[in-house]
Amino acid sequence: MTSADNEFWQGYRDGRDPDCPEPSANRSHAYRHSFAVGRAELAGKPIPAAISRANARIAEAADATA
């Protein structure tokens, strides 16, 4: 698992935890993206897969240039 994969996984897992606070800017773009995906699913309003995949690519690219 790459570090980006790990960030995506941790963000998603935390986003699905209703007791986990919203992430701040000190978290990676990948983490914040996946946190939002998890929260949307938790709320019963999942983000469409095509949009989520596009946003994941943007997040990964943003982390690569940070």
PDB file of N, CA and C in Angstrom:
ATOM      1  N   MET A   1       0.853  -1.173   0.000  1.00  0.00           N
ATOM      2  CA  MET A   1       0.000   0.000   0.000  1.00  0.00           C
ATOM      3  C   MET A   1       0.900   1.238   0.000  1.00  0.00           C
ATOM      4  N   THR A   2       0.629   2.180  -0.903  1.00  0.00           N
ATOM      5  CA  THR A   2       1.413   3.413  -0.956  1.00  0.00           C
ATOM      6  C   THR A   2       0.964   4.358   0.154  1.00  0.00           C
ATOM      7  N   SER A   3       1.734   5.404   0.372  1.00  0.00           N
ATOM      8  CA  SER A   3       1.342   6.374   1.401  1.00  0.00           C
ATOM      9  C   SER A   3       0.039   7.066   1.012  1.00  0.00           C
ATOM     10  N   ALA A   4      -0.175   7.297  -0.288  1.00  0.00           N
ATOM     11  CA  ALA A   4      -1.437   7.903  -0.732  1.00  0.00           C
ATOM     12  C   ALA A   4      -2.601   6.956  -0.448  1.00  0.00           C
ATOM     13  N   ASP A   5      -2.407   5.673  -0.742  1.00  0.00           N
ATOM     14  CA  ASP A   5      -3.460   4.696  -0.448  1.00  0.00           C
ATOM     15  C   ASP A   5      -3.791   4.696   1.041  1.00  0.00           C
ATOM     16  N   ASN A   6      -2.755   4.769   1.852  1.00  0.00           N
ATOM     17  CA  ASN A   6      -2.952   4.784   3.298  1.00  0.00           C
ATOM     18  C   ASN A   6      -3.751   6.018   3.736  1.00  0.00           C
ATOM     19  N   GLU A   7      -3.438   7.168   3.159  1.00  0.00           N
ATOM     20  CA  GLU A   7      -4.171   8.394   3.485  1.00  0.00           C
ATOM     21  C   GLU A   7      -5.635   8.292   3.051  1.00  0.00           C
ATOM     22  N   PHE A   8      -5.854   7.752   1.851  1.00  0.00           N
ATOM     23  CA  PHE A   8      -7.229   7.566   1.384  1.00  0.00           C
ATOM     24  C   PHE A   8      -7.988   6.648   2.345  1.00  0.00           C
ATOM     25  N   TRP A   9      -7.367   5.550   2.731  1.00  0.00           N
ATOM     26  CA  TRP A   9      -8.023   4.589   3.615  1.00  0.00           C
ATOM     27  C   TRP A   9      -8.309   5.198   4.989  1.00  0.00           C
ATOM     28  N   GLN A  10      -7.329   5.868   5.584  1.00  0.00           N
ATOM     29  CA  GLN A  10      -7.531   6.454   6.910  1.00  0.00           C
ATOM     30  C   GLN A  10      -8.617   7.520   6.882  1.00  0.00           C
ATOM     31  N   GLY A  11      -8.612   8.354   5.850  1.00  0.00           N
ATOM     32  CA  GLY A  11      -9.631   9.393   5.737  1.00  0.00           C
ATOM     33  C   GLY A  11     -11.023   8.809   5.615  1.00  0.00           C
ATOM     34  N   TYR A  12     -11.157   7.781   4.792  1.00  0.00           N
ATOM     35  CA  TYR A  12     -12.461   7.142   4.610  1.00  0.00           C
ATOM     36  C   TYR A  12     -12.935   6.518   5.916  1.00  0.00           C
ATOM     37  N   ARG A  13     -12.044   5.791   6.574  1.00  0.00           N
ATOM     38  CA  ARG A  13     -12.387   5.135   7.838  1.00  0.00           C
ATOM     39  C   ARG A  13     -12.822   6.172   8.880  1.00  0.00           C
ATOM     40  N   ASP A  14     -12.069   7.257   8.992  1.00  0.00           N
ATOM     41  CA  ASP A  14     -12.421   8.296   9.964  1.00  0.00           C
ATOM     42  C   ASP A  14     -13.715   9.002   9.570  1.00  0.00           C
ATOM     43  N   GLY A  15     -13.929   9.203   8.279  1.00  0.00           N
ATOM     44  CA  GLY A  15     -15.164   9.848   7.824  1.00  0.00           C
ATOM     45  C   GLY A  15     -16.404   9.025   8.138  1.00  0.00           C
ATOM     46  N   ARG A  16     -16.250   7.710   8.189  1.00  0.00           N
ATOM     47  CA  ARG A  16     -17.377   6.828   8.529  1.00  0.00           C
ATOM     48  C   ARG A  16     -17.629   6.758  10.037  1.00  0.00           C
ATOM     49  N   ASP A  17     -16.736   7.346  10.829  1.00  0.00           N
ATOM     50  CA  ASP A  17     -16.881   7.370  12.286  1.00  0.00           C
ATOM     51  C   ASP A  17     -17.563   8.677  12.678  1.00  0.00           C
ATOM     52  N   PRO A  18     -18.813   8.630  13.129  1.00  0.00           N
ATOM     53  CA  PRO A  18     -19.527   9.870  13.446  1.00  0.00           C
ATOM     54  C   PRO A  18     -18.906  10.651  14.603  1.00  0.00           C
ATOM     55  N   ASP A  19     -18.058  10.027  15.394  1.00  0.00           N
ATOM     56  CA  ASP A  19     -17.425  10.712  16.524  1.00  0.00           C
ATOM     57  C   ASP A  19     -16.103  11.377  16.157  1.00  0.00           C
ATOM     58  N   CYS A  20     -15.637  11.157  14.954  1.00  0.00           N
ATOM     59  CA  CYS A  20     -14.369  11.728  14.516  1.00  0.00           C
ATOM     60  C   CYS A  20     -14.601  13.169  14.057  1.00  0.00           C
ATOM     61  N   PRO A  21     -13.790  14.121  14.540  1.00  0.00           N
ATOM     62  CA  PRO A  21     -13.980  15.519  14.126  1.00  0.00           C
ATOM     63  C   PRO A  21     -13.558  15.752  12.674  1.00  0.00           C
ATOM     64  N   GLU A  22     -14.063  16.809  12.095  1.00  0.00           N
ATOM     65  CA  GLU A  22     -13.691  17.199  10.732  1.00  0.00           C
ATOM     66  C   GLU A  22     -12.185  17.440  10.683  1.00  0.00           C
ATOM     67  N   PRO A  23     -11.533  17.020   9.607  1.00  0.00           N
ATOM     68  CA  PRO A  23     -10.085  17.227   9.509  1.00  0.00           C
ATOM     69  C   PRO A  23      -9.741  18.692   9.238  1.00  0.00           C
ATOM     70  N   SER A  24      -8.584  19.091   9.721  1.00  0.00           N
ATOM     71  CA  SER A  24      -8.114  20.449   9.462  1.00  0.00           C
ATOM     72  C   SER A  24      -7.112  20.425   8.310  1.00  0.00           C
ATOM     73  N   ALA A  25      -6.562  21.567   8.005  1.00  0.00           N
ATOM     74  CA  ALA A  25      -5.646  21.700   6.867  1.00  0.00           C
ATOM     75  C   ALA A  25      -4.330  20.952   7.078  1.00  0.00           C
ATOM     76  N   ASN A  26      -4.077  20.464   8.286  1.00  0.00           N
ATOM     77  CA  ASN A  26      -2.834  19.729   8.509  1.00  0.00           C
ATOM     78  C   ASN A  26      -2.902  18.300   7.963  1.00  0.00           C
ATOM     79  N   ARG A  27      -4.060  17.878   7.484  1.00  0.00           N
ATOM     80  CA  ARG A  27      -4.217  16.545   6.884  1.00  0.00           C
ATOM     81  C   ARG A  27      -4.008  16.655   5.382  1.00  0.00           C
ATOM     82  N   SER A  28      -3.652  15.542   4.766  1.00  0.00           N
ATOM     83  CA  SER A  28      -3.401  15.538   3.318  1.00  0.00           C
ATOM     84  C   SER A  28      -4.703  15.734   2.537  1.00  0.00           C
ATOM     85  N   HIS A  29      -4.539  16.112   1.281  1.00  0.00           N
ATOM     86  CA  HIS A  29      -5.708  16.261   0.398  1.00  0.00           C
ATOM     87  C   HIS A  29      -6.419  14.917   0.240  1.00  0.00           C
ATOM     88  N   ALA A  30      -5.627  13.846   0.121  1.00  0.00           N
ATOM     89  CA  ALA A  30      -6.204  12.506  -0.031  1.00  0.00           C
ATOM     90  C   ALA A  30      -7.050  12.147   1.183  1.00  0.00           C
ATOM     91  N   TYR A  31      -6.530  12.430   2.362  1.00  0.00           N
ATOM     92  CA  TYR A  31      -7.268  12.144   3.595  1.00  0.00           C
ATOM     93  C   TYR A  31      -8.582  12.933   3.625  1.00  0.00           C
ATOM     94  N   ARG A  32      -8.496  14.235   3.358  1.00  0.00           N
ATOM     95  CA  ARG A  32      -9.707  15.081   3.428  1.00  0.00           C
ATOM     96  C   ARG A  32     -10.731  14.665   2.379  1.00  0.00           C
ATOM     97  N   HIS A  33     -10.254  14.282   1.172  1.00  0.00           N
ATOM     98  CA  HIS A  33     -11.172  13.805   0.138  1.00  0.00           C
ATOM     99  C   HIS A  33     -11.924  12.565   0.627  1.00  0.00           C
ATOM    100  N   SER A  34     -11.181  11.591   1.119  1.00  0.00           N
ATOM    101  CA  SER A  34     -11.807  10.339   1.539  1.00  0.00           C
ATOM    102  C   SER A  34     -12.656  10.504   2.783  1.00  0.00           C
ATOM    103  N   PHE A  35     -12.284  11.436   3.645  1.00  0.00           N
ATOM    104  CA  PHE A  35     -13.112  11.745   4.810  1.00  0.00           C
ATOM    105  C   PHE A  35     -14.484  12.233   4.332  1.00  0.00           C
ATOM    106  N   ALA A  36     -14.480  13.129   3.340  1.00  0.00           N
ATOM    107  CA  ALA A  36     -15.742  13.647   2.798  1.00  0.00           C
ATOM    108  C   ALA A  36     -16.567  12.534   2.159  1.00  0.00           C
ATOM    109  N   VAL A  37     -15.914  11.597   1.482  1.00  0.00           N
ATOM    110  CA  VAL A  37     -16.620  10.463   0.887  1.00  0.00           C
ATOM    111  C   VAL A  37     -17.282   9.633   1.982  1.00  0.00           C
ATOM    112  N   GLY A  38     -16.535   9.347   3.036  1.00  0.00           N
ATOM    113  CA  GLY A  38     -17.089   8.575   4.153  1.00  0.00           C
ATOM    114  C   GLY A  38     -18.251   9.288   4.819  1.00  0.00           C
ATOM    115  N   ARG A  39     -18.116  10.590   5.019  1.00  0.00           N
ATOM    116  CA  ARG A  39     -19.204  11.350   5.642  1.00  0.00           C
ATOM    117  C   ARG A  39     -20.445  11.382   4.763  1.00  0.00           C
ATOM    118  N   ALA A  40     -20.257  11.528   3.468  1.00  0.00           N
ATOM    119  CA  ALA A  40     -21.396  11.544   2.547  1.00  0.00           C
ATOM    120  C   ALA A  40     -22.138  10.209   2.605  1.00  0.00           C
ATOM    121  N   GLU A  41     -21.394   9.115   2.644  1.00  0.00           N
ATOM    122  CA  GLU A  41     -22.033   7.801   2.743  1.00  0.00           C
ATOM    123  C   GLU A  41     -22.746   7.642   4.079  1.00  0.00           C
ATOM    124  N   LEU A  42     -22.117   8.114   5.137  1.00  0.00           N
ATOM    125  CA  LEU A  42     -22.719   8.038   6.465  1.00  0.00           C
ATOM    126  C   LEU A  42     -24.043   8.803   6.507  1.00  0.00           C
ATOM    127  N   ALA A  43     -24.107   9.899   5.769  1.00  0.00           N
ATOM    128  CA  ALA A  43     -25.320  10.718   5.711  1.00  0.00           C
ATOM    129  C   ALA A  43     -26.356  10.157   4.738  1.00  0.00           C
ATOM    130  N   GLY A  44     -26.012   9.068   4.053  1.00  0.00           N
ATOM    131  CA  GLY A  44     -26.941   8.481   3.095  1.00  0.00           C
ATOM    132  C   GLY A  44     -26.994   9.223   1.773  1.00  0.00           C
ATOM    133  N   LYS A  45     -25.955  10.037   1.497  1.00  0.00           N
ATOM    134  CA  LYS A  45     -25.895  10.807   0.257  1.00  0.00           C
ATOM    135  C   LYS A  45     -24.543  10.578  -0.416  1.00  0.00           C
ATOM    136  N   PRO A  46     -24.303   9.348  -0.890  1.00  0.00           N
ATOM    137  CA  PRO A  46     -22.990   9.046  -1.465  1.00  0.00           C
ATOM    138  C   PRO A  46     -22.668   9.909  -2.682  1.00  0.00           C
ATOM    139  N   ILE A  47     -21.394  10.204  -2.820  1.00  0.00           N
ATOM    140  CA  ILE A  47     -20.898  10.965  -3.960  1.00  0.00           C
ATOM    141  C   ILE A  47     -20.821   9.998  -5.145  1.00  0.00           C
ATOM    142  N   PRO A  48     -21.335  10.385  -6.309  1.00  0.00           N
ATOM    143  CA  PRO A  48     -21.258   9.493  -7.471  1.00  0.00           C
ATOM    144  C   PRO A  48     -19.813   9.063  -7.744  1.00  0.00           C
ATOM    145  N   ALA A  49     -19.639   7.809  -8.122  1.00  0.00           N
ATOM    146  CA  ALA A  49     -18.306   7.220  -8.288  1.00  0.00           C
ATOM    147  C   ALA A  49     -17.429   8.001  -9.258  1.00  0.00           C
ATOM    148  N   ALA A  50     -17.963   8.433 -10.365  1.00  0.00           N
ATOM    149  CA  ALA A  50     -17.152   9.154 -11.354  1.00  0.00           C
ATOM    150  C   ALA A  50     -16.628  10.466 -10.773  1.00  0.00           C
ATOM    151  N   ILE A  51     -17.443  11.149 -10.025  1.00  0.00           N
ATOM    152  CA  ILE A  51     -17.025  12.403  -9.388  1.00  0.00           C
ATOM    153  C   ILE A  51     -15.993  12.110  -8.303  1.00  0.00           C
ATOM    154  N   SER A  52     -16.239  11.080  -7.516  1.00  0.00           N
ATOM    155  CA  SER A  52     -15.306  10.726  -6.455  1.00  0.00           C
ATOM    156  C   SER A  52     -13.943  10.342  -7.019  1.00  0.00           C
ATOM    157  N   ARG A  53     -13.925   9.566  -8.077  1.00  0.00           N
ATOM    158  CA  ARG A  53     -12.649   9.175  -8.700  1.00  0.00           C
ATOM    159  C   ARG A  53     -11.905  10.394  -9.238  1.00  0.00           C
ATOM    160  N   ALA A  54     -12.622  11.299  -9.888  1.00  0.00           N
ATOM    161  CA  ALA A  54     -11.980  12.510 -10.413  1.00  0.00           C
ATOM    162  C   ALA A  54     -11.414  13.350  -9.273  1.00  0.00           C
ATOM    163  N   ASN A  55     -12.174  13.486  -8.204  1.00  0.00           N
ATOM    164  CA  ASN A  55     -11.703  14.260  -7.051  1.00  0.00           C
ATOM    165  C   ASN A  55     -10.522  13.580  -6.365  1.00  0.00           C
ATOM    166  N   ALA A  56     -10.494  12.258  -6.378  1.00  0.00           N
ATOM    167  CA  ALA A  56      -9.369  11.524  -5.786  1.00  0.00           C
ATOM    168  C   ALA A  56      -8.094  11.788  -6.585  1.00  0.00           C
ATOM    169  N   ARG A  57      -8.198  11.807  -7.909  1.00  0.00           N
ATOM    170  CA  ARG A  57      -7.023  12.106  -8.738  1.00  0.00           C
ATOM    171  C   ARG A  57      -6.515  13.523  -8.467  1.00  0.00           C
ATOM    172  N   ILE A  58      -7.436  14.462  -8.317  1.00  0.00           N
ATOM    173  CA  ILE A  58      -7.056  15.850  -8.019  1.00  0.00           C
ATOM    174  C   ILE A  58      -6.370  15.924  -6.654  1.00  0.00           C
ATOM    175  N   ALA A  59      -6.921  15.244  -5.670  1.00  0.00           N
ATOM    176  CA  ALA A  59      -6.338  15.238  -4.323  1.00  0.00           C
ATOM    177  C   ALA A  59      -4.950  14.639  -4.338  1.00  0.00           C
ATOM    178  N   GLU A  60      -4.779  13.533  -5.047  1.00  0.00           N
ATOM    179  CA  GLU A  60      -3.472  12.880  -5.107  1.00  0.00           C
ATOM    180  C   GLU A  60      -2.448  13.776  -5.787  1.00  0.00           C
ATOM    181  N   ALA A  61      -2.856  14.462  -6.854  1.00  0.00           N
ATOM    182  CA  ALA A  61      -1.957  15.366  -7.543  1.00  0.00           C
ATOM    183  C   ALA A  61      -1.575  16.555  -6.651  1.00  0.00           C
ATOM    184  N   ALA A  62      -2.549  17.060  -5.897  1.00  0.00           N
ATOM    185  CA  ALA A  62      -2.282  18.181  -4.984  1.00  0.00           C
ATOM    186  C   ALA A  62      -1.289  17.775  -3.903  1.00  0.00           C
ATOM    187  N   ASP A  63      -1.411  16.547  -3.395  1.00  0.00           N
ATOM    188  CA  ASP A  63      -0.466  16.072  -2.387  1.00  0.00           C
ATOM    189  C   ASP A  63       0.925  15.894  -2.986  1.00  0.00           C
ATOM    190  N   ALA A  64       0.994  15.485  -4.236  1.00  0.00           N
ATOM    191  CA  ALA A  64       2.293  15.255  -4.888  1.00  0.00           C
ATOM    192  C   ALA A  64       3.057  16.559  -5.101  1.00  0.00           C
ATOM    193  N   THR A  65       2.336  17.659  -5.252  1.00  0.00           N
ATOM    194  CA  THR A  65       2.980  18.945  -5.484  1.00  0.00           C
ATOM    195  C   THR A  65       3.144  19.762  -4.208  1.00  0.00           C
ATOM    196  N   ALA A  66       2.618  19.259  -3.091  1.00  0.00           N
ATOM    197  CA  ALA A  66       2.686  20.022  -1.824  1.00  0.00           C
ATOM    198  C   ALA A  66       4.039  19.892  -1.191  1.00  0.00           C
TER     199      ALA A  66
END
